[in-house]
Amino acid sequence: MTDEPRPVFENVLEKLESLVERLETGGLSLDEALRLYEEGVALTRTGNELLEGAERRIVELQKESEQDPP
């Protein structure tokens, strides 16, 4: 178990946008560009996992609200 805080989607998105901007600006060595690309792939996976978790939670809340009488 790690003590790292759980990532927040908005923070992940902000970091990803920053990486894309740096890659688009150019002037990076191949190694640096590859490192940033790999970091971007990892951030994309994390973002997708967070979105999928939010979607599962929404579906669960919808099911609960349908079961609760008005």
C-alpha atoms as a PDB file:
ATOM      1  CA  MET A   1       0.000   0.000   0.000  1.00  0.00           C
ATOM      2  CA  THR A   2       1.386   3.427  -0.937  1.00  0.00           C
ATOM      3  CA  ASP A   3       1.040   6.730   0.863  1.00  0.00           C
ATOM      4  CA  GLU A   4       0.686   8.627  -2.411  1.00  0.00           C
ATOM      5  CA  PRO A   5      -2.559  10.556  -2.748  1.00  0.00           C
ATOM      6  CA  ARG A   6      -5.037   9.304  -5.297  1.00  0.00           C
ATOM      7  CA  PRO A   7      -4.708  11.199  -8.585  1.00  0.00           C
ATOM      8  CA  VAL A   8      -7.328  13.817  -9.375  1.00  0.00           C
ATOM      9  CA  PHE A   9      -8.619  13.820 -12.950  1.00  0.00           C
ATOM     10  CA  GLU A  10      -8.160  17.562 -13.414  1.00  0.00           C
ATOM     11  CA  ASN A  11      -4.531  17.335 -12.273  1.00  0.00           C
ATOM     12  CA  VAL A  12      -3.867  14.423 -14.619  1.00  0.00           C
ATOM     13  CA  LEU A  13      -5.416  16.358 -17.498  1.00  0.00           C
ATOM     14  CA  GLU A  14      -3.378  19.458 -16.677  1.00  0.00           C
ATOM     15  CA  LYS A  15      -0.129  17.465 -16.628  1.00  0.00           C
ATOM     16  CA  LEU A  16      -1.040  15.765 -19.896  1.00  0.00           C
ATOM     17  CA  GLU A  17      -1.802  19.085 -21.574  1.00  0.00           C
ATOM     18  CA  SER A  18       1.552  20.427 -20.370  1.00  0.00           C
ATOM     19  CA  LEU A  19       3.376  17.425 -21.818  1.00  0.00           C
ATOM     20  CA  VAL A  20       1.612  17.783 -25.158  1.00  0.00           C
ATOM     21  CA  GLU A  21       2.530  21.455 -25.280  1.00  0.00           C
ATOM     22  CA  ARG A  22       6.196  20.659 -24.605  1.00  0.00           C
ATOM     23  CA  LEU A  23       6.203  17.969 -27.285  1.00  0.00           C
ATOM     24  CA  GLU A  24       4.519  20.252 -29.825  1.00  0.00           C
ATOM     25  CA  THR A  25       6.974  23.068 -29.112  1.00  0.00           C
ATOM     26  CA  GLY A  26       9.820  20.866 -30.239  1.00  0.00           C
ATOM     27  CA  GLY A  27      13.499  21.369 -29.604  1.00  0.00           C
ATOM     28  CA  LEU A  28      13.688  18.260 -27.434  1.00  0.00           C
ATOM     29  CA  SER A  29      16.204  15.503 -27.778  1.00  0.00           C
ATOM     30  CA  LEU A  30      14.846  12.185 -28.958  1.00  0.00           C
ATOM     31  CA  ASP A  31      15.381  10.696 -25.494  1.00  0.00           C
ATOM     32  CA  GLU A  32      13.529  13.561 -23.786  1.00  0.00           C
ATOM     33  CA  ALA A  33      10.672  13.415 -26.302  1.00  0.00           C
ATOM     34  CA  LEU A  34      10.370   9.661 -25.804  1.00  0.00           C
ATOM     35  CA  ARG A  35      10.375  10.061 -22.016  1.00  0.00           C
ATOM     36  CA  LEU A  36       7.619  12.689 -22.220  1.00  0.00           C
ATOM     37  CA  TYR A  37       5.621  10.510 -24.607  1.00  0.00           C
ATOM     38  CA  GLU A  38       5.863   7.543 -22.234  1.00  0.00           C
ATOM     39  CA  GLU A  39       4.787   9.761 -19.348  1.00  0.00           C
ATOM     40  CA  GLY A  40       1.850  10.957 -21.455  1.00  0.00           C
ATOM     41  CA  VAL A  41       0.775   7.389 -22.160  1.00  0.00           C
ATOM     42  CA  ALA A  42       0.830   6.628 -18.428  1.00  0.00           C
ATOM     43  CA  LEU A  43      -1.167   9.783 -17.666  1.00  0.00           C
ATOM     44  CA  THR A  44      -3.689   8.853 -20.361  1.00  0.00           C
ATOM     45  CA  ARG A  45      -4.176   5.428 -18.773  1.00  0.00           C
ATOM     46  CA  THR A  46      -4.616   6.999 -15.349  1.00  0.00           C
ATOM     47  CA  GLY A  47      -7.130   9.509 -16.721  1.00  0.00           C
ATOM     48  CA  ASN A  48      -9.096   6.758 -18.433  1.00  0.00           C
ATOM     49  CA  GLU A  49      -9.173   4.708 -15.230  1.00  0.00           C
ATOM     50  CA  LEU A  50     -10.465   7.715 -13.297  1.00  0.00           C
ATOM     51  CA  LEU A  51     -13.169   8.363 -15.893  1.00  0.00           C
ATOM     52  CA  GLU A  52     -14.210   4.713 -15.903  1.00  0.00           C
ATOM     53  CA  GLY A  53     -14.442   4.767 -12.111  1.00  0.00           C
ATOM     54  CA  ALA A  54     -16.601   7.884 -12.224  1.00  0.00           C
ATOM     55  CA  GLU A  55     -18.834   6.262 -14.830  1.00  0.00           C
ATOM     56  CA  ARG A  56     -19.248   3.133 -12.682  1.00  0.00           C
ATOM     57  CA  ARG A  57     -20.145   5.333  -9.703  1.00  0.00           C
ATOM     58  CA  ILE A  58     -22.752   7.239 -11.731  1.00  0.00           C
ATOM     59  CA  VAL A  59     -24.324   3.983 -12.927  1.00  0.00           C
ATOM     60  CA  GLU A  60     -24.419   2.725  -9.328  1.00  0.00           C
ATOM     61  CA  LEU A  61     -26.031   5.943  -8.107  1.00  0.00           C
ATOM     62  CA  GLN A  62     -28.629   5.733 -10.869  1.00  0.00           C
ATOM     63  CA  LYS A  63     -29.463   2.167  -9.879  1.00  0.00           C
ATOM     64  CA  GLU A  64     -29.786   3.203  -6.227  1.00  0.00           C
ATOM     65  CA  SER A  65     -32.075   6.114  -7.071  1.00  0.00           C
ATOM     66  CA  GLU A  66     -34.284   3.862  -9.186  1.00  0.00           C
ATOM     67  CA  GLN A  67     -34.661   1.463  -6.233  1.00  0.00           C
ATOM     68  CA  ASP A  68     -35.516   4.186  -3.715  1.00  0.00           C
ATOM     69  CA  PRO A  69     -39.237   4.996  -3.575  1.00  0.00           C
ATOM     70  CA  PRO A  70     -40.066   8.670  -4.245  1.00  0.00           C
END
